[in-house]
Amino acid sequence: MPENARLSHSIGQIDLDFVEREATPRLLMKLSIQLHLAGLSLSNTVRILERFGVERARSTVHNWVHKADLQPNSGRNPDQVAVDETVIRLNDEQYWLYAAVDPESNELLHTQLEPTRTKVIASSFIAELREKHNVDDAVFLVDGDKALNYACQRHDLDFRYERHGNRNSVERVFREIKRRTSSFSNSFSNAYAETADEWLRSFAFAWNQLI
């Protein structure tokens, strides 16, 4: 599918029901949301708006992105699921980002941001994934992490150890998330956990539209 077709499709999926009285044309609001989620900085996004004769603050575009409450579609039925976790910093605090990816389509299925890493949290992550998608018959690809292995066992899921191969799909997602965080350093600056979690869901929506 051509890039412009994918962009048009994803713009059509952006719901602006949160808008009450906004002077900005809705198409430009959707375009701004899509461009920022696709990787354009807030500063460059507002410059695009200025080309259309619309002046808005970076914080305004930021609010549009979060109020749109975008998240990846549910109901996927993958043959394999690559799961992993990585460290994400919120200001000076360390959080753990859990992610699940369909290696065949490279779609990001589910993310979960937590302040620590335990077997209980890993099991909760897998439980939420099962609620969103049809993964009970899928083969889970893990890297030997004991918590995720335990979670797969607890939910009676088929899993196998795979350090590279198809499991690299989740590593590609982590690399892009880390590239997109502040100053290309694995950190969200001046952000609360809830805000970062909302951004991650929006990122997943955009990632799935543009892969």
C-alpha atoms as a PDB file:
ATOM      1  CA  MET A   1       0.000   0.000   0.000  1.00  0.00           C
ATOM      2  CA  PRO A   2       1.444   3.450  -0.912  1.00  0.00           C
ATOM      3  CA  GLU A   3       2.501   5.702   2.013  1.00  0.00           C
ATOM      4  CA  ASN A   4      -0.128   8.353   1.233  1.00  0.00           C
ATOM      5  CA  ALA A   5      -2.869   5.707   1.239  1.00  0.00           C
ATOM      6  CA  ARG A   6      -1.782   4.459   4.671  1.00  0.00           C
ATOM      7  CA  LEU A   7      -1.683   8.020   5.987  1.00  0.00           C
ATOM      8  CA  SER A   8      -5.164   8.772   4.629  1.00  0.00           C
ATOM      9  CA  HIS A   9      -6.539   5.600   6.214  1.00  0.00           C
ATOM     10  CA  SER A  10      -5.062   6.362   9.635  1.00  0.00           C
ATOM     11  CA  ILE A  11      -6.232   9.985   9.533  1.00  0.00           C
ATOM     12  CA  GLY A  12      -9.757   8.694   8.940  1.00  0.00           C
ATOM     13  CA  GLN A  13      -9.503   6.610  12.119  1.00  0.00           C
ATOM     14  CA  ILE A  14      -8.657   9.584  14.340  1.00  0.00           C
ATOM     15  CA  ASP A  15     -11.744  10.496  16.365  1.00  0.00           C
ATOM     16  CA  LEU A  16     -12.164  14.154  17.334  1.00  0.00           C
ATOM     17  CA  ASP A  17     -15.269  13.749  19.477  1.00  0.00           C
ATOM     18  CA  PHE A  18     -13.372  15.426  22.326  1.00  0.00           C
ATOM     19  CA  VAL A  19     -13.484  18.745  20.407  1.00  0.00           C
ATOM     20  CA  GLU A  20     -16.088  21.228  21.604  1.00  0.00           C
ATOM     21  CA  ARG A  21     -15.046  24.670  20.367  1.00  0.00           C
ATOM     22  CA  GLU A  22     -11.849  24.556  18.318  1.00  0.00           C
ATOM     23  CA  ALA A  23     -11.013  27.138  15.661  1.00  0.00           C
ATOM     24  CA  THR A  24      -8.591  24.811  13.874  1.00  0.00           C
ATOM     25  CA  PRO A  25     -10.075  22.911  10.892  1.00  0.00           C
ATOM     26  CA  ARG A  26     -10.544  19.278  11.859  1.00  0.00           C
ATOM     27  CA  LEU A  27      -8.549  17.982   8.902  1.00  0.00           C
ATOM     28  CA  LEU A  28      -5.541  20.012  10.055  1.00  0.00           C
ATOM     29  CA  MET A  29      -5.974  18.727  13.598  1.00  0.00           C
ATOM     30  CA  LYS A  30      -5.965  15.148  12.320  1.00  0.00           C
ATOM     31  CA  LEU A  31      -2.975  15.869  10.085  1.00  0.00           C
ATOM     32  CA  SER A  32      -1.068  17.358  13.029  1.00  0.00           C
ATOM     33  CA  ILE A  33      -1.798  14.333  15.219  1.00  0.00           C
ATOM     34  CA  GLN A  34      -0.732  11.933  12.468  1.00  0.00           C
ATOM     35  CA  LEU A  35       2.465  13.819  11.609  1.00  0.00           C
ATOM     36  CA  HIS A  36       3.579  13.991  15.235  1.00  0.00           C
ATOM     37  CA  LEU A  37       2.866  10.307  15.852  1.00  0.00           C
ATOM     38  CA  ALA A  38       4.703   9.434  12.635  1.00  0.00           C
ATOM     39  CA  GLY A  39       7.849  11.032  14.062  1.00  0.00           C
ATOM     40  CA  LEU A  40       7.671  14.788  13.451  1.00  0.00           C
ATOM     41  CA  SER A  41       8.582  16.902  16.466  1.00  0.00           C
ATOM     42  CA  LEU A  42       5.990  19.207  18.024  1.00  0.00           C
ATOM     43  CA  SER A  43       8.007  22.219  16.837  1.00  0.00           C
ATOM     44  CA  ASN A  44       8.040  21.019  13.229  1.00  0.00           C
ATOM     45  CA  THR A  45       4.374  20.041  13.433  1.00  0.00           C
ATOM     46  CA  VAL A  46       3.316  23.569  14.399  1.00  0.00           C
ATOM     47  CA  ARG A  47       5.468  24.888  11.537  1.00  0.00           C
ATOM     48  CA  ILE A  48       3.423  22.750   9.141  1.00  0.00           C
ATOM     49  CA  LEU A  49       0.255  24.297  10.586  1.00  0.00           C
ATOM     50  CA  GLU A  50       1.725  27.757  10.021  1.00  0.00           C
ATOM     51  CA  ARG A  51       2.031  26.975   6.310  1.00  0.00           C
ATOM     52  CA  PHE A  52      -1.745  26.637   6.309  1.00  0.00           C
ATOM     53  CA  GLY A  53      -2.106  29.968   8.086  1.00  0.00           C
ATOM     54  CA  VAL A  54      -2.844  28.413  11.492  1.00  0.00           C
ATOM     55  CA  GLU A  55      -0.745  29.341  14.532  1.00  0.00           C
ATOM     56  CA  ARG A  56      -0.921  26.954  17.472  1.00  0.00           C
ATOM     57  CA  ALA A  57       1.339  26.264  20.448  1.00  0.00           C
ATOM     58  CA  ARG A  58       3.210  22.981  20.778  1.00  0.00           C
ATOM     59  CA  SER A  59       1.225  22.254  23.935  1.00  0.00           C
ATOM     60  CA  THR A  60      -1.999  22.497  21.903  1.00  0.00           C
ATOM     61  CA  VAL A  61      -0.871  19.804  19.469  1.00  0.00           C
ATOM     62  CA  HIS A  62       0.334  17.704  22.411  1.00  0.00           C
ATOM     63  CA  ASN A  63      -3.136  17.954  23.974  1.00  0.00           C
ATOM     64  CA  TRP A  64      -4.810  16.935  20.696  1.00  0.00           C
ATOM     65  CA  VAL A  65      -2.686  13.781  20.562  1.00  0.00           C
ATOM     66  CA  HIS A  66      -3.564  12.729  24.104  1.00  0.00           C
ATOM     67  CA  LYS A  67      -7.238  13.667  23.973  1.00  0.00           C
ATOM     68  CA  ALA A  68      -7.707  11.649  20.770  1.00  0.00           C
ATOM     69  CA  ASP A  69      -7.081   8.527  22.944  1.00  0.00           C
ATOM     70  CA  LEU A  70      -5.698   6.455  20.072  1.00  0.00           C
ATOM     71  CA  GLN A  71      -4.768   2.819  20.564  1.00  0.00           C
ATOM     72  CA  PRO A  72      -4.141  -0.245  18.389  1.00  0.00           C
ATOM     73  CA  ASN A  73      -7.103  -2.296  17.201  1.00  0.00           C
ATOM     74  CA  SER A  74      -8.001  -5.423  19.146  1.00  0.00           C
ATOM     75  CA  GLY A  75      -9.062  -8.837  17.851  1.00  0.00           C
ATOM     76  CA  ARG A  76      -5.842  -9.910  16.120  1.00  0.00           C
ATOM     77  CA  ASN A  77      -5.174 -13.631  15.676  1.00  0.00           C
ATOM     78  CA  PRO A  78      -1.374 -14.026  15.310  1.00  0.00           C
ATOM     79  CA  ASP A  79       0.452 -17.333  14.845  1.00  0.00           C
ATOM     80  CA  GLN A  80       3.366 -16.065  16.922  1.00  0.00           C
ATOM     81  CA  VAL A  81       3.777 -13.336  19.552  1.00  0.00           C
ATOM     82  CA  ALA A  82       7.159 -11.834  20.422  1.00  0.00           C
ATOM     83  CA  VAL A  83       7.198 -10.514  24.008  1.00  0.00           C
ATOM     84  CA  ASP A  84       9.849  -8.616  25.906  1.00  0.00           C
ATOM     85  CA  GLU A  85      10.434  -5.791  28.386  1.00  0.00           C
ATOM     86  CA  THR A  86      12.844  -2.874  28.505  1.00  0.00           C
ATOM     87  CA  VAL A  87      13.708   0.002  30.838  1.00  0.00           C
ATOM     88  CA  ILE A  88      12.104   3.403  30.198  1.00  0.00           C
ATOM     89  CA  ARG A  89      12.938   6.401  32.367  1.00  0.00           C
ATOM     90  CA  LEU A  90      10.332   8.971  33.398  1.00  0.00           C
ATOM     91  CA  ASN A  91      12.409  11.932  34.514  1.00  0.00           C
ATOM     92  CA  ASP A  92      14.620  10.357  37.207  1.00  0.00           C
ATOM     93  CA  GLU A  93      12.502   7.264  37.799  1.00  0.00           C
ATOM     94  CA  GLN A  94      12.894   3.857  36.168  1.00  0.00           C
ATOM     95  CA  TYR A  95       9.890   2.073  34.652  1.00  0.00           C
ATOM     96  CA  TRP A  96       9.547  -1.177  32.763  1.00  0.00           C
ATOM     97  CA  LEU A  97       7.877  -1.232  29.356  1.00  0.00           C
ATOM     98  CA  TYR A  98       6.307  -4.578  28.384  1.00  0.00           C
ATOM     99  CA  ALA A  99       5.444  -5.081  24.721  1.00  0.00           C
ATOM    100  CA  ALA A 100       3.955  -7.775  22.476  1.00  0.00           C
ATOM    101  CA  VAL A 101       4.420  -7.799  18.703  1.00  0.00           C
ATOM    102  CA  ASP A 102       3.125  -9.992  15.872  1.00  0.00           C
ATOM    103  CA  PRO A 103       6.383 -10.926  14.046  1.00  0.00           C
ATOM    104  CA  GLU A 104       4.574 -11.677  10.776  1.00  0.00           C
ATOM    105  CA  SER A 105       2.910  -8.270  10.421  1.00  0.00           C
ATOM    106  CA  ASN A 106       5.209  -6.335  12.816  1.00  0.00           C
ATOM    107  CA  GLU A 107       2.069  -4.928  14.446  1.00  0.00           C
ATOM    108  CA  LEU A 108       2.375  -3.792  18.034  1.00  0.00           C
ATOM    109  CA  LEU A 109      -0.345  -5.715  19.871  1.00  0.00           C
ATOM    110  CA  HIS A 110      -0.101  -4.420  23.426  1.00  0.00           C
ATOM    111  CA  THR A 111       2.069  -2.313  25.742  1.00  0.00           C
ATOM    112  CA  GLN A 112       2.113  -1.950  29.510  1.00  0.00           C
ATOM    113  CA  LEU A 113       4.211   0.473  31.552  1.00  0.00           C
ATOM    114  CA  GLU A 114       5.017  -0.527  35.138  1.00  0.00           C
ATOM    115  CA  PRO A 115       7.239   0.859  37.931  1.00  0.00           C
ATOM    116  CA  THR A 116       8.850  -2.533  38.557  1.00  0.00           C
ATOM    117  CA  ARG A 117       9.332  -5.985  37.044  1.00  0.00           C
ATOM    118  CA  THR A 118       7.780  -9.009  38.773  1.00  0.00           C
ATOM    119  CA  LYS A 119       6.158 -12.308  37.852  1.00  0.00           C
ATOM    120  CA  VAL A 120       2.764 -10.937  38.900  1.00  0.00           C
ATOM    121  CA  ILE A 121       3.095  -7.914  36.605  1.00  0.00           C
ATOM    122  CA  ALA A 122       4.268 -10.085  33.718  1.00  0.00           C
ATOM    123  CA  SER A 123       1.244 -12.322  34.239  1.00  0.00           C
ATOM    124  CA  SER A 124      -1.035  -9.262  34.297  1.00  0.00           C
ATOM    125  CA  PHE A 125       0.500  -8.102  31.006  1.00  0.00           C
ATOM    126  CA  ILE A 126      -0.198 -11.479  29.375  1.00  0.00           C
ATOM    127  CA  ALA A 127      -3.744 -11.485  30.801  1.00  0.00           C
ATOM    128  CA  GLU A 128      -4.490  -8.071  29.245  1.00  0.00           C
ATOM    129  CA  LEU A 129      -2.985  -9.239  25.956  1.00  0.00           C
ATOM    130  CA  ARG A 130      -5.294 -12.276  25.960  1.00  0.00           C
ATOM    131  CA  GLU A 131      -8.293 -10.024  26.591  1.00  0.00           C
ATOM    132  CA  LYS A 132      -7.445  -7.881  23.565  1.00  0.00           C
ATOM    133  CA  HIS A 133      -6.360 -10.521  21.053  1.00  0.00           C
ATOM    134  CA  ASN A 134      -6.855 -14.186  20.157  1.00  0.00           C
ATOM    135  CA  VAL A 135      -3.441 -15.446  21.228  1.00  0.00           C
ATOM    136  CA  ASP A 136      -4.221 -18.674  23.081  1.00  0.00           C
ATOM    137  CA  ASP A 137      -3.085 -20.801  20.117  1.00  0.00           C
ATOM    138  CA  ALA A 138      -0.064 -18.648  19.291  1.00  0.00           C
ATOM    139  CA  VAL A 139       3.550 -19.550  20.029  1.00  0.00           C
ATOM    140  CA  PHE A 140       5.115 -16.966  22.351  1.00  0.00           C
ATOM    141  CA  LEU A 141       8.721 -16.046  21.624  1.00  0.00           C
ATOM    142  CA  VAL A 142      10.671 -15.152  24.771  1.00  0.00           C
ATOM    143  CA  ASP A 143      14.323 -14.408  25.498  1.00  0.00           C
ATOM    144  CA  GLY A 144      14.662 -16.413  28.680  1.00  0.00           C
ATOM    145  CA  ASP A 145      13.232 -13.785  31.048  1.00  0.00           C
ATOM    146  CA  LYS A 146      11.983 -15.731  34.068  1.00  0.00           C
ATOM    147  CA  ALA A 147       8.974 -13.479  34.711  1.00  0.00           C
ATOM    148  CA  LEU A 148       7.630 -13.760  31.165  1.00  0.00           C
ATOM    149  CA  ASN A 149       8.352 -17.491  31.078  1.00  0.00           C
ATOM    150  CA  TYR A 150       6.379 -17.853  34.324  1.00  0.00           C
ATOM    151  CA  ALA A 151       3.521 -15.765  32.896  1.00  0.00           C
ATOM    152  CA  CYS A 152       3.272 -17.976  29.804  1.00  0.00           C
ATOM    153  CA  GLN A 153       3.289 -21.098  31.968  1.00  0.00           C
ATOM    154  CA  ARG A 154       0.657 -19.692  34.308  1.00  0.00           C
ATOM    155  CA  HIS A 155      -1.651 -18.932  31.370  1.00  0.00           C
ATOM    156  CA  ASP A 156      -0.930 -22.344  29.811  1.00  0.00           C
ATOM    157  CA  LEU A 157       0.509 -20.816  26.643  1.00  0.00           C
ATOM    158  CA  ASP A 158       2.960 -22.418  24.239  1.00  0.00           C
ATOM    159  CA  PHE A 159       6.299 -20.596  24.319  1.00  0.00           C
ATOM    160  CA  ARG A 160       9.862 -21.090  23.202  1.00  0.00           C
ATOM    161  CA  TYR A 161      13.186 -19.413  23.773  1.00  0.00           C
ATOM    162  CA  GLU A 162      14.364 -17.369  20.803  1.00  0.00           C
ATOM    163  CA  ARG A 163      17.030 -14.725  21.135  1.00  0.00           C
ATOM    164  CA  HIS A 164      17.022 -13.520  17.524  1.00  0.00           C
ATOM    165  CA  GLY A 165      14.917 -14.432  14.471  1.00  0.00           C
ATOM    166  CA  ASN A 166      11.270 -13.417  14.674  1.00  0.00           C
ATOM    167  CA  ARG A 167      11.702 -12.093  18.213  1.00  0.00           C
ATOM    168  CA  ASN A 168      13.716  -9.213  16.743  1.00  0.00           C
ATOM    169  CA  SER A 169      10.390  -7.603  15.800  1.00  0.00           C
ATOM    170  CA  VAL A 170       9.823  -6.469  19.388  1.00  0.00           C
ATOM    171  CA  GLU A 171      13.404  -5.152  19.581  1.00  0.00           C
ATOM    172  CA  ARG A 172      12.701  -2.960  16.526  1.00  0.00           C
ATOM    173  CA  VAL A 173       9.727  -1.456  18.351  1.00  0.00           C
ATOM    174  CA  PHE A 174      11.862  -0.737  21.428  1.00  0.00           C
ATOM    175  CA  ARG A 175      14.542   0.927  19.297  1.00  0.00           C
ATOM    176  CA  GLU A 176      11.984   3.237  17.700  1.00  0.00           C
ATOM    177  CA  ILE A 177      10.403   4.137  21.048  1.00  0.00           C
ATOM    178  CA  LYS A 178      13.811   4.976  22.489  1.00  0.00           C
ATOM    179  CA  ARG A 179      14.665   6.997  19.385  1.00  0.00           C
ATOM    180  CA  ARG A 180      11.471   9.002  19.810  1.00  0.00           C
ATOM    181  CA  THR A 181      11.890   9.859  23.501  1.00  0.00           C
ATOM    182  CA  SER A 182      13.487  13.096  24.634  1.00  0.00           C
ATOM    183  CA  SER A 183      16.919  13.942  23.264  1.00  0.00           C
ATOM    184  CA  PHE A 184      17.225  10.419  21.836  1.00  0.00           C
ATOM    185  CA  SER A 185      17.958   9.217  25.379  1.00  0.00           C
ATOM    186  CA  ASN A 186      15.773   6.484  26.782  1.00  0.00           C
ATOM    187  CA  SER A 187      13.716   8.997  28.802  1.00  0.00           C
ATOM    188  CA  PHE A 188      10.416  10.901  28.930  1.00  0.00           C
ATOM    189  CA  SER A 189      11.118  14.389  30.307  1.00  0.00           C
ATOM    190  CA  ASN A 190       8.539  16.196  32.458  1.00  0.00           C
ATOM    191  CA  ALA A 191       6.010  13.386  32.044  1.00  0.00           C
ATOM    192  CA  TYR A 192       3.877  11.404  34.434  1.00  0.00           C
ATOM    193  CA  ALA A 193       3.477   7.642  34.019  1.00  0.00           C
ATOM    194  CA  GLU A 194      -0.132   8.078  32.854  1.00  0.00           C
ATOM    195  CA  THR A 195       0.942  10.562  30.163  1.00  0.00           C
ATOM    196  CA  ALA A 196       3.727   8.256  28.963  1.00  0.00           C
ATOM    197  CA  ASP A 197       1.312   5.312  28.891  1.00  0.00           C
ATOM    198  CA  GLU A 198      -1.138   7.328  26.750  1.00  0.00           C
ATOM    199  CA  TRP A 199       1.686   8.283  24.389  1.00  0.00           C
ATOM    200  CA  LEU A 200       2.724   4.646  24.051  1.00  0.00           C
ATOM    201  CA  ARG A 201      -0.815   3.618  23.042  1.00  0.00           C
ATOM    202  CA  SER A 202      -0.908   6.437  20.494  1.00  0.00           C
ATOM    203  CA  PHE A 203       2.516   5.377  19.235  1.00  0.00           C
ATOM    204  CA  ALA A 204       1.249   1.803  18.819  1.00  0.00           C
ATOM    205  CA  PHE A 205      -1.691   3.068  16.756  1.00  0.00           C
ATOM    206  CA  ALA A 206       0.613   5.047  14.445  1.00  0.00           C
ATOM    207  CA  TRP A 207       3.208   2.259  14.241  1.00  0.00           C
ATOM    208  CA  ASN A 208       0.579  -0.232  13.068  1.00  0.00           C
ATOM    209  CA  GLN A 209      -0.703   2.178  10.423  1.00  0.00           C
ATOM    210  CA  LEU A 210       2.705   2.962   8.943  1.00  0.00           C
ATOM    211  CA  ILE A 211       4.552  -0.384   8.980  1.00  0.00           C
END
